């Protein structure tokens, strides 16, 4: 919250007026000046908004190897949080005002357990923070699919949605599993009342380890669209990725995903 902002009686009156205005018009914050948008959101949703703001990044978790190599080579990663074996970094990209995210961790699981979860988009509400829904759109093969996902944001912001092209490929010798999750256009029409995420590019590099463990190096860059100021997103960028991977760690222990096999995958 901006110091001194709440104490302004004039601004309070403006905010109250805007609250009622939103009730009687079809305008949303997505159509307002970004500066005014920032001030209103900070006062109306001091914590709730920020805790959910970057859920569109979380949703993109299951949402190329070239992208990963490019980002790693050109990005200086800054440590942001490390706990429970999950480390979160952020980096600044030359072609975007939004920071990129990198998550590095090790989990007690094999590749098939992870793939079993990722290839079932409907499971996302169980582990991806603030996911309202996620549904399979089209199964291309056992290693590729399209899915639709919607992330919930607090009123009066529009929920964010996207269609993701999820594909997987394993190196035959090293067994390194590369997973691409990128937004794709012209698969589903734009839905009324939803803000379609214009760009999200994510990659997982997953290496099997001894003792039934896997290491994950995950990277993503995203533009949430809808006029959300980049500085606001960047301030609260690490919460959703950390919490989502923490949930994923717990879900991997679920017996539903043990004993799974895929024709393109070797554990």
Foldseek 3Di string as FASTA:
>chain_A
DDPPLVVDPVVVVVLVVVVVVVVPDVDFLLPDDLVVSVSNCCVVPVDQQLLQVQLVVLLLQLAAVVVVVVCVVPWDWDWDDDDPFKTKTWTDDPVDLAIKIKIKGKAQAAPQLVLVQSVAQQCCVQFQPQWPGKAWQADPDLFWGKIKTWGDGDPPDFIEIFIWIWGWAADPPQRWIKIKRWTDPDSDDDDPRYHYFPIKIKMWTWGADPPRMIIIIIMMDGGRDSSHDNVSCRVSPPNRVVRRVVSVNVSSPDPVRPPDDDPRHDD
